[in-house]
Amino acid sequence: MVEMLAFPPSRRVGLIRKHGRIAAQLNSSSATSHLRYQVEIQRRALMSKGVARAVVDRECAALLAALYAEMFRQGAMPEVG
């Protein structure tokens, strides 16, 4: 059985734009920390709702990629690591 989320975090445009904009204004280390912290918040929320770990991992990876893409779209060029 495949588990599907009705509102995956990686599609939450407001969340992605907001935190991408914030991260774009930070130095690379702070930006990375900020984005990873936001992903961890979403990870905990999904886990608390009983979403399968594999689905959570997949969605968190997609969210992190979307956040970095938005940060770069906004003109930031920090080191990814």
N, C-alpha and C. Protein backbone atom coordinates (compact mmCIF):
# COMPACT_ATOMS: atom_id res chain seq x y z
N MET A 1 0.84 -1.17 0.00
CA MET A 1 0.00 0.00 0.00
C MET A 1 0.89 1.25 0.00
N VAL A 2 0.53 2.22 -0.80
CA VAL A 2 1.26 3.48 -0.87
C VAL A 2 0.51 4.52 -0.05
N GLU A 3 1.23 5.17 0.83
CA GLU A 3 0.62 6.21 1.65
C GLU A 3 0.84 7.55 0.96
N MET A 4 -0.23 8.32 0.84
CA MET A 4 -0.16 9.61 0.17
C MET A 4 -0.65 10.69 1.12
N LEU A 5 0.01 11.82 1.11
CA LEU A 5 -0.40 12.93 1.95
C LEU A 5 -1.27 13.89 1.15
N ALA A 6 -2.34 14.35 1.77
CA ALA A 6 -3.24 15.29 1.10
C ALA A 6 -2.56 16.65 0.90
N PHE A 7 -1.76 17.08 1.87
CA PHE A 7 -1.08 18.36 1.80
C PHE A 7 0.39 18.17 2.14
N PRO A 8 1.18 17.68 1.18
CA PRO A 8 2.60 17.44 1.47
C PRO A 8 3.32 18.76 1.74
N PRO A 9 4.24 18.76 2.71
CA PRO A 9 4.95 19.99 3.06
C PRO A 9 5.71 20.61 1.88
N SER A 10 6.20 19.80 0.97
CA SER A 10 6.97 20.33 -0.16
C SER A 10 6.11 21.10 -1.16
N ARG A 11 4.80 21.08 -0.98
CA ARG A 11 3.88 21.82 -1.86
C ARG A 11 3.26 23.02 -1.16
N ARG A 12 3.68 23.29 0.06
CA ARG A 12 3.14 24.42 0.82
C ARG A 12 3.89 25.69 0.43
N VAL A 13 3.37 26.36 -0.59
CA VAL A 13 4.05 27.48 -1.21
C VAL A 13 4.35 28.59 -0.21
N GLY A 14 3.42 28.92 0.65
CA GLY A 14 3.63 29.98 1.63
C GLY A 14 4.78 29.67 2.57
N LEU A 15 4.83 28.46 3.06
CA LEU A 15 5.90 28.02 3.96
C LEU A 15 7.25 28.10 3.24
N ILE A 16 7.29 27.61 2.02
CA ILE A 16 8.54 27.58 1.26
C ILE A 16 9.02 28.98 0.93
N ARG A 17 8.13 29.84 0.49
CA ARG A 17 8.54 31.21 0.16
C ARG A 17 9.01 31.97 1.39
N LYS A 18 8.28 31.83 2.48
CA LYS A 18 8.64 32.54 3.71
C LYS A 18 10.03 32.14 4.20
N HIS A 19 10.26 30.85 4.33
CA HIS A 19 11.53 30.40 4.91
C HIS A 19 12.67 30.48 3.90
N GLY A 20 12.37 30.39 2.61
CA GLY A 20 13.39 30.62 1.60
C GLY A 20 13.87 32.07 1.63
N ARG A 21 12.92 32.99 1.81
CA ARG A 21 13.26 34.42 1.90
C ARG A 21 14.10 34.70 3.13
N ILE A 22 13.70 34.13 4.26
CA ILE A 22 14.46 34.32 5.51
C ILE A 22 15.87 33.78 5.34
N ALA A 23 15.99 32.57 4.81
CA ALA A 23 17.30 31.94 4.66
C ALA A 23 18.19 32.71 3.69
N ALA A 24 17.59 33.31 2.66
CA ALA A 24 18.36 34.06 1.67
C ALA A 24 19.05 35.27 2.29
N GLN A 25 18.54 35.74 3.42
CA GLN A 25 19.11 36.91 4.08
C GLN A 25 20.17 36.56 5.11
N LEU A 26 20.38 35.26 5.34
CA LEU A 26 21.32 34.80 6.36
C LEU A 26 22.64 34.37 5.73
N ASN A 27 23.68 34.25 6.57
CA ASN A 27 24.92 33.68 6.06
C ASN A 27 24.70 32.18 5.82
N SER A 28 25.61 31.54 5.12
CA SER A 28 25.38 30.15 4.69
C SER A 28 25.16 29.19 5.84
N SER A 29 25.92 29.33 6.92
CA SER A 29 25.77 28.44 8.07
C SER A 29 24.41 28.62 8.74
N SER A 30 24.03 29.86 8.94
CA SER A 30 22.73 30.15 9.57
C SER A 30 21.58 29.73 8.68
N ALA A 31 21.73 29.94 7.38
CA ALA A 31 20.68 29.56 6.44
C ALA A 31 20.45 28.06 6.46
N THR A 32 21.53 27.30 6.43
CA THR A 32 21.43 25.84 6.48
C THR A 32 20.76 25.40 7.77
N SER A 33 21.16 25.98 8.89
CA SER A 33 20.57 25.62 10.18
C SER A 33 19.08 25.95 10.21
N HIS A 34 18.74 27.12 9.69
CA HIS A 34 17.33 27.54 9.69
C HIS A 34 16.47 26.58 8.86
N LEU A 35 16.94 26.26 7.67
CA LEU A 35 16.16 25.37 6.81
C LEU A 35 16.03 23.97 7.41
N ARG A 36 17.10 23.46 7.95
CA ARG A 36 17.04 22.12 8.56
C ARG A 36 16.11 22.11 9.77
N TYR A 37 16.10 23.19 10.52
CA TYR A 37 15.20 23.29 11.67
C TYR A 37 13.74 23.29 11.21
N GLN A 38 13.45 24.02 10.14
CA GLN A 38 12.08 24.05 9.63
C GLN A 38 11.65 22.67 9.13
N VAL A 39 12.55 21.95 8.52
CA VAL A 39 12.24 20.58 8.07
C VAL A 39 11.99 19.68 9.27
N GLU A 40 12.78 19.86 10.33
CA GLU A 40 12.59 19.05 11.54
C GLU A 40 11.22 19.30 12.17
N ILE A 41 10.76 20.54 12.15
CA ILE A 41 9.42 20.85 12.66
C ILE A 41 8.37 20.07 11.88
N GLN A 42 8.51 20.06 10.56
CA GLN A 42 7.55 19.33 9.73
C GLN A 42 7.67 17.82 9.94
N ARG A 43 8.91 17.33 10.14
CA ARG A 43 9.12 15.90 10.42
C ARG A 43 8.37 15.49 11.69
N ARG A 44 8.53 16.28 12.73
CA ARG A 44 7.85 15.96 14.00
C ARG A 44 6.34 15.99 13.84
N ALA A 45 5.83 16.95 13.09
CA ALA A 45 4.38 17.04 12.89
C ALA A 45 3.86 15.80 12.15
N LEU A 46 4.56 15.39 11.11
CA LEU A 46 4.13 14.20 10.36
C LEU A 46 4.22 12.94 11.22
N MET A 47 5.31 12.81 11.97
CA MET A 47 5.47 11.62 12.82
C MET A 47 4.38 11.57 13.89
N SER A 48 4.02 12.73 14.43
CA SER A 48 2.99 12.75 15.48
C SER A 48 1.61 12.36 14.94
N LYS A 49 1.43 12.50 13.62
CA LYS A 49 0.17 12.12 12.99
C LYS A 49 0.16 10.66 12.55
N GLY A 50 1.28 9.97 12.80
CA GLY A 50 1.34 8.54 12.49
C GLY A 50 1.70 8.23 11.05
N VAL A 51 2.28 9.17 10.35
CA VAL A 51 2.69 8.91 8.97
C VAL A 51 3.90 7.98 8.99
N ALA A 52 3.93 7.05 8.07
CA ALA A 52 5.01 6.07 7.99
C ALA A 52 6.37 6.76 7.83
N ARG A 53 7.39 6.19 8.45
CA ARG A 53 8.72 6.79 8.45
C ARG A 53 9.27 6.99 7.03
N ALA A 54 9.04 6.03 6.15
CA ALA A 54 9.52 6.16 4.77
C ALA A 54 8.87 7.35 4.07
N VAL A 55 7.60 7.55 4.32
CA VAL A 55 6.88 8.68 3.73
C VAL A 55 7.40 9.99 4.32
N VAL A 56 7.61 10.01 5.62
CA VAL A 56 8.14 11.20 6.29
C VAL A 56 9.51 11.55 5.72
N ASP A 57 10.38 10.56 5.59
CA ASP A 57 11.72 10.80 5.05
C ASP A 57 11.66 11.36 3.63
N ARG A 58 10.81 10.78 2.81
CA ARG A 58 10.65 11.24 1.43
C ARG A 58 10.14 12.68 1.38
N GLU A 59 9.12 12.97 2.18
CA GLU A 59 8.54 14.31 2.18
C GLU A 59 9.49 15.36 2.74
N CYS A 60 10.27 14.99 3.74
CA CYS A 60 11.23 15.93 4.32
C CYS A 60 12.36 16.23 3.34
N ALA A 61 12.79 15.23 2.60
CA ALA A 61 13.83 15.45 1.59
C ALA A 61 13.30 16.38 0.49
N ALA A 62 12.06 16.17 0.08
CA ALA A 62 11.45 17.02 -0.94
C ALA A 62 11.28 18.45 -0.43
N LEU A 63 10.90 18.58 0.84
CA LEU A 63 10.74 19.91 1.43
C LEU A 63 12.08 20.64 1.49
N LEU A 64 13.12 19.96 1.93
CA LEU A 64 14.43 20.60 2.02
C LEU A 64 14.90 21.05 0.64
N ALA A 65 14.69 20.23 -0.36
CA ALA A 65 15.07 20.60 -1.73
C ALA A 65 14.28 21.83 -2.19
N ALA A 66 12.99 21.87 -1.89
CA ALA A 66 12.16 23.02 -2.28
C ALA A 66 12.61 24.28 -1.55
N LEU A 67 12.98 24.15 -0.27
CA LEU A 67 13.45 25.31 0.49
C LEU A 67 14.75 25.86 -0.08
N TYR A 68 15.70 24.98 -0.39
CA TYR A 68 16.96 25.42 -0.98
C TYR A 68 16.72 26.06 -2.35
N ALA A 69 15.86 25.47 -3.15
CA ALA A 69 15.56 26.03 -4.48
C ALA A 69 14.98 27.44 -4.34
N GLU A 70 14.09 27.62 -3.40
CA GLU A 70 13.50 28.95 -3.19
C GLU A 70 14.55 29.93 -2.69
N MET A 71 15.40 29.50 -1.80
CA MET A 71 16.45 30.37 -1.29
C MET A 71 17.35 30.82 -2.45
N PHE A 72 17.73 29.90 -3.32
CA PHE A 72 18.58 30.25 -4.46
C PHE A 72 17.82 31.13 -5.45
N ARG A 73 16.53 30.86 -5.62
CA ARG A 73 15.70 31.68 -6.50
C ARG A 73 15.68 33.13 -6.02
N GLN A 74 15.74 33.30 -4.71
CA GLN A 74 15.70 34.64 -4.13
C GLN A 74 17.08 35.31 -4.18
N GLY A 75 18.07 34.62 -4.72
CA GLY A 75 19.36 35.24 -4.96
C GLY A 75 20.48 34.87 -4.00
N ALA A 76 20.23 33.97 -3.08
CA ALA A 76 21.26 33.56 -2.13
C ALA A 76 22.16 32.52 -2.77
N MET A 77 23.41 32.51 -2.38
CA MET A 77 24.35 31.52 -2.90
C MET A 77 25.20 30.90 -1.79
N PRO A 78 24.58 30.43 -0.70
CA PRO A 78 25.39 29.81 0.36
C PRO A 78 25.88 28.44 -0.05
N GLU A 79 26.85 27.95 0.69
CA GLU A 79 27.35 26.60 0.47
C GLU A 79 26.33 25.60 1.00
N VAL A 80 26.05 24.57 0.24
CA VAL A 80 25.13 23.53 0.67
C VAL A 80 25.96 22.41 1.26
N GLY A 81 25.56 21.98 2.45
CA GLY A 81 26.37 20.92 3.05
C GLY A 81 25.82 20.32 4.26
